Amino acid sequence: MKNLFIIMLFFAFVACSHKQHNSNRENISFEENDSLLITYYCGSIDTNVAIRCEKLAAKQKRHPRNEYSYVMGNDKLEPFPVELIDTFIVDSTVTKKIIRLLDNNVKADDFDEDARMYVTIKKSSGSNDYLCFDQFPYRVKYNGQSYTMDKELLFLLRYYSGYYSWFDKNDLDWFEELKDTVLYQKVLEQIKMNKWNSSNAMKNLVPKKSPSS
């Protein structure tokens, strides 16, 4: 069971690392269009020390690979991927809508963040904006200041980056933007598809029996 657990976690790392890289690159010309760079921890994670926005921003600059933790197995420590990180560039048609929705922000009370997602908005003008999402999905820092963001903007960022797909259905109540039943159903389909892809990829890890002679 321990080996199976480690294999499943390893697959989650591989899937999270490669799932979106090819699907969201259309319609992007870095010189002419705005673009988004999104880095996040996959799923619900617990940390002993709060993750500052600056730390996640630094990881994004390195185009991070997965970080490892260790469990005891076979009387020794064995590594497995526990904090899954991925980076995405989304289609420019979505990017334009997100940038427009940024204007609907509302100043909020300050908070000490425990970051889960970091977004760099690269504009064709040469300027950048930054969004940092807290472990509580409705808390956001925009260029270092605390804001409440447009719910459609939150949905677009999380949906097109694949962020929702790493949560269980029971976790979706955390997300204020998913009170909209249409958006909620779209996310359920994304979660279902992610699990289907994971299940089929796991089958490929099982050695096939050689045909009987």
Protein backbone atom coordinates (compact mmCIF):
# COMPACT_ATOMS: atom_id res chain seq x y z
CA MET A 1 0.00 0.00 0.00
CA LYS A 2 2.86 2.37 0.79
CA ASN A 3 4.37 1.83 -2.67
CA LEU A 4 0.99 2.38 -4.34
CA PHE A 5 0.51 5.60 -2.36
CA ILE A 6 3.91 6.91 -3.45
CA ILE A 7 3.24 5.96 -7.10
CA MET A 8 -0.09 7.81 -7.04
CA LEU A 9 1.51 10.91 -5.56
CA PHE A 10 4.28 10.74 -8.16
CA PHE A 11 1.68 10.58 -10.93
CA ALA A 12 -0.14 13.60 -9.46
CA PHE A 13 3.12 15.52 -9.73
CA VAL A 14 3.63 14.50 -13.35
CA ALA A 15 0.05 15.33 -14.30
CA CYS A 16 0.12 18.68 -12.53
CA SER A 17 3.44 19.56 -14.17
CA HIS A 18 2.34 18.89 -17.74
CA LYS A 19 -1.45 19.06 -17.96
CA GLN A 20 -1.99 22.63 -19.16
CA HIS A 21 1.26 23.56 -20.86
CA ASN A 22 0.02 22.98 -24.39
CA SER A 23 -3.66 23.88 -24.06
CA ASN A 24 -3.44 27.57 -23.19
CA ARG A 25 -0.70 28.88 -25.47
CA GLU A 26 -2.77 29.71 -28.55
CA ASN A 27 -3.26 33.32 -29.64
CA ILE A 28 -0.21 34.51 -27.69
CA SER A 29 2.46 36.77 -29.09
CA PHE A 30 4.65 37.98 -26.23
CA GLU A 31 5.67 41.15 -28.05
CA GLU A 32 2.16 42.23 -29.04
CA ASN A 33 -0.28 40.82 -26.49
CA ASP A 34 -0.79 40.81 -22.76
CA SER A 35 -0.15 37.47 -21.07
CA LEU A 36 -0.53 35.75 -17.71
CA LEU A 37 1.97 33.67 -15.78
CA ILE A 38 0.27 31.64 -13.03
CA THR A 39 2.03 29.59 -10.36
CA TYR A 40 0.12 27.67 -7.69
CA TYR A 41 0.19 24.87 -5.17
CA CYS A 42 -2.10 22.08 -6.36
CA GLY A 43 -5.04 21.26 -4.11
CA SER A 44 -5.53 21.88 -0.41
CA ILE A 45 -2.25 21.87 1.52
CA ASP A 46 -1.33 22.58 5.15
CA THR A 47 1.86 24.38 6.09
CA ASN A 48 3.64 24.80 9.43
CA VAL A 49 4.84 28.26 8.39
CA ALA A 50 2.85 30.74 6.32
CA ILE A 51 3.99 31.10 2.70
CA ARG A 52 4.62 34.75 1.91
CA CYS A 53 3.75 36.20 -1.47
CA GLU A 54 7.41 37.11 -1.96
CA LYS A 55 8.43 33.46 -1.59
CA LEU A 56 5.94 32.26 -4.19
CA ALA A 57 6.95 35.10 -6.51
CA ALA A 58 10.59 34.00 -6.22
CA LYS A 59 9.61 30.42 -7.05
CA GLN A 60 7.74 31.62 -10.11
CA LYS A 61 10.84 33.36 -11.44
CA ARG A 62 12.71 30.05 -11.29
CA HIS A 63 9.94 28.24 -13.22
CA PRO A 64 9.82 25.81 -10.31
CA ARG A 65 9.82 22.08 -10.33
CA ASN A 66 8.06 20.06 -7.69
CA GLU A 67 9.15 20.23 -4.05
CA TYR A 68 9.47 17.02 -2.05
CA SER A 69 8.65 15.91 1.45
CA TYR A 70 9.54 12.58 3.07
CA VAL A 71 7.67 9.69 4.68
CA MET A 72 8.95 6.68 6.58
CA GLY A 73 8.88 3.52 4.48
CA ASN A 74 10.87 0.29 4.67
CA ASP A 75 12.65 1.69 7.75
CA LYS A 76 13.98 4.69 5.81
CA LEU A 77 12.81 8.09 4.63
CA GLU A 78 11.30 8.03 1.16
CA PRO A 79 10.66 11.21 -0.90
CA PHE A 80 7.30 11.96 -2.48
CA PRO A 81 5.80 15.07 -4.11
CA VAL A 82 3.58 16.87 -1.61
CA GLU A 83 3.60 20.51 -2.70
CA LEU A 84 2.81 20.49 -6.40
CA ILE A 85 3.63 23.63 -8.35
CA ASP A 86 2.87 24.45 -11.96
CA THR A 87 3.17 27.44 -14.29
CA PHE A 88 0.73 28.47 -16.99
CA ILE A 89 0.33 31.05 -19.76
CA VAL A 90 -3.31 31.54 -20.74
CA ASP A 91 -4.89 32.43 -24.05
CA SER A 92 -4.89 36.14 -24.84
CA THR A 93 -8.68 36.20 -25.33
CA VAL A 94 -9.04 35.26 -21.66
CA THR A 95 -6.20 37.54 -20.59
CA LYS A 96 -7.89 40.63 -22.02
CA LYS A 97 -11.07 39.89 -20.09
CA ILE A 98 -9.15 39.35 -16.86
CA ILE A 99 -7.25 42.62 -17.22
CA ARG A 100 -10.51 44.47 -17.84
CA LEU A 101 -12.09 42.90 -14.73
CA LEU A 102 -9.16 44.05 -12.59
CA ASP A 103 -10.73 47.51 -12.60
CA ASN A 104 -13.62 46.15 -10.51
CA ASN A 105 -11.45 45.69 -7.42
CA VAL A 106 -12.47 47.00 -3.98
CA LYS A 107 -9.96 47.89 -1.23
CA ALA A 108 -10.16 45.47 1.71
CA ASP A 109 -8.79 45.13 5.23
CA ASP A 110 -5.15 44.07 5.31
CA PHE A 111 -4.24 40.50 6.23
CA ASP A 112 -1.13 38.37 6.73
CA GLU A 113 -1.20 36.02 3.79
CA ASP A 114 -0.47 32.32 3.49
CA ALA A 115 -0.09 32.26 -0.29
CA ARG A 116 -1.38 29.53 -2.61
CA MET A 117 -1.32 31.17 -6.06
CA TYR A 118 0.76 33.93 -7.62
CA VAL A 119 -0.14 35.64 -10.90
CA THR A 120 2.07 37.92 -12.96
CA ILE A 121 0.14 39.97 -15.51
CA LYS A 122 2.55 40.93 -18.27
CA LYS A 123 1.23 43.81 -20.35
CA SER A 124 2.26 44.62 -23.89
CA SER A 125 3.01 48.17 -22.67
CA GLY A 126 5.89 46.71 -20.64
CA SER A 127 4.34 47.12 -17.18
CA ASN A 128 3.45 44.22 -14.87
CA ASP A 129 0.75 43.71 -12.25
CA TYR A 130 0.77 41.04 -9.56
CA LEU A 131 -1.98 39.08 -7.82
CA CYS A 132 -1.33 36.87 -4.80
CA PHE A 133 -4.05 34.54 -3.52
CA ASP A 134 -4.31 33.50 0.12
CA GLN A 135 -5.21 30.03 1.42
CA PHE A 136 -8.68 31.52 1.98
CA PRO A 137 -9.82 31.76 -1.66
CA TYR A 138 -11.55 35.13 -1.36
CA ARG A 139 -8.49 36.98 0.03
CA VAL A 140 -6.26 38.59 -2.59
CA LYS A 141 -3.32 40.97 -2.69
CA TYR A 142 -3.02 43.15 -5.78
CA ASN A 143 0.40 44.75 -6.19
CA GLY A 144 1.01 44.20 -2.48
CA GLN A 145 -2.29 45.68 -1.27
CA SER A 146 -5.37 43.85 0.04
CA TYR A 147 -8.40 43.81 -2.25
CA THR A 148 -11.68 42.10 -2.96
CA MET A 149 -11.73 41.07 -6.60
CA ASP A 150 -14.48 40.59 -9.16
CA LYS A 151 -15.82 37.03 -8.85
CA GLU A 152 -15.71 36.48 -12.60
CA LEU A 153 -12.01 37.37 -12.57
CA LEU A 154 -11.39 34.84 -9.78
CA PHE A 155 -13.21 32.17 -11.75
CA LEU A 156 -11.34 32.83 -14.99
CA LEU A 157 -7.93 32.65 -13.32
CA ARG A 158 -8.68 29.46 -11.43
CA TYR A 159 -10.59 27.71 -14.18
CA TYR A 160 -8.21 28.32 -17.07
CA SER A 161 -5.15 27.49 -14.97
CA GLY A 162 -6.74 24.19 -13.88
CA TYR A 163 -6.54 25.20 -10.22
CA TYR A 164 -10.01 23.91 -9.28
CA SER A 165 -9.37 20.47 -10.73
CA TRP A 166 -7.01 19.55 -7.88
CA PHE A 167 -9.70 19.98 -5.21
CA ASP A 168 -12.40 17.59 -4.07
CA LYS A 169 -16.04 18.44 -4.67
CA ASN A 170 -16.54 19.03 -0.93
CA ASP A 171 -13.89 21.78 -0.99
CA LEU A 172 -15.72 23.92 -3.54
CA ASP A 173 -17.81 25.65 -0.88
CA TRP A 174 -14.69 27.69 -0.03
CA PHE A 175 -14.88 29.55 -3.33
CA GLU A 176 -17.28 32.47 -3.29
CA GLU A 177 -17.40 32.67 -7.09
CA LEU A 178 -18.81 29.14 -7.29
CA LYS A 179 -22.07 30.17 -5.67
CA ASP A 180 -23.06 30.65 -9.31
CA THR A 181 -24.55 27.26 -10.25
CA VAL A 182 -23.43 27.46 -13.89
CA LEU A 183 -19.81 28.06 -12.90
CA TYR A 184 -20.06 25.37 -10.22
CA GLN A 185 -21.15 22.79 -12.80
CA LYS A 186 -18.30 23.74 -15.12
CA VAL A 187 -15.83 23.17 -12.30
CA LEU A 188 -17.39 19.79 -11.44
CA GLU A 189 -16.84 18.74 -15.06
CA GLN A 190 -13.24 19.90 -14.88
CA ILE A 191 -12.66 17.89 -11.68
CA LYS A 192 -14.31 14.85 -13.25
CA MET A 193 -12.14 15.11 -16.35
CA ASN A 194 -8.98 15.48 -14.28
CA LYS A 195 -9.82 12.33 -12.30
CA TRP A 196 -10.59 10.47 -15.53
CA ASN A 197 -7.23 11.48 -17.01
CA SER A 198 -5.47 10.48 -13.79
CA SER A 199 -7.20 7.09 -13.70
CA ASN A 200 -6.30 6.28 -17.30
CA ALA A 201 -2.70 7.35 -16.85
CA MET A 202 -2.43 5.14 -13.75
CA LYS A 203 -3.55 2.16 -15.84
CA ASN A 204 -0.54 2.70 -18.07
CA LEU A 205 1.73 2.27 -15.05
CA VAL A 206 0.46 -1.26 -14.43
CA PRO A 207 2.55 -3.83 -16.35
CA LYS A 208 0.49 -5.61 -18.97
CA LYS A 209 0.40 -9.39 -18.97
CA SER A 210 2.23 -10.99 -21.85
CA PRO A 211 -0.09 -12.75 -24.30
CA SER A 212 -0.40 -16.46 -23.68
CA SER A 213 1.27 -18.64 -26.28
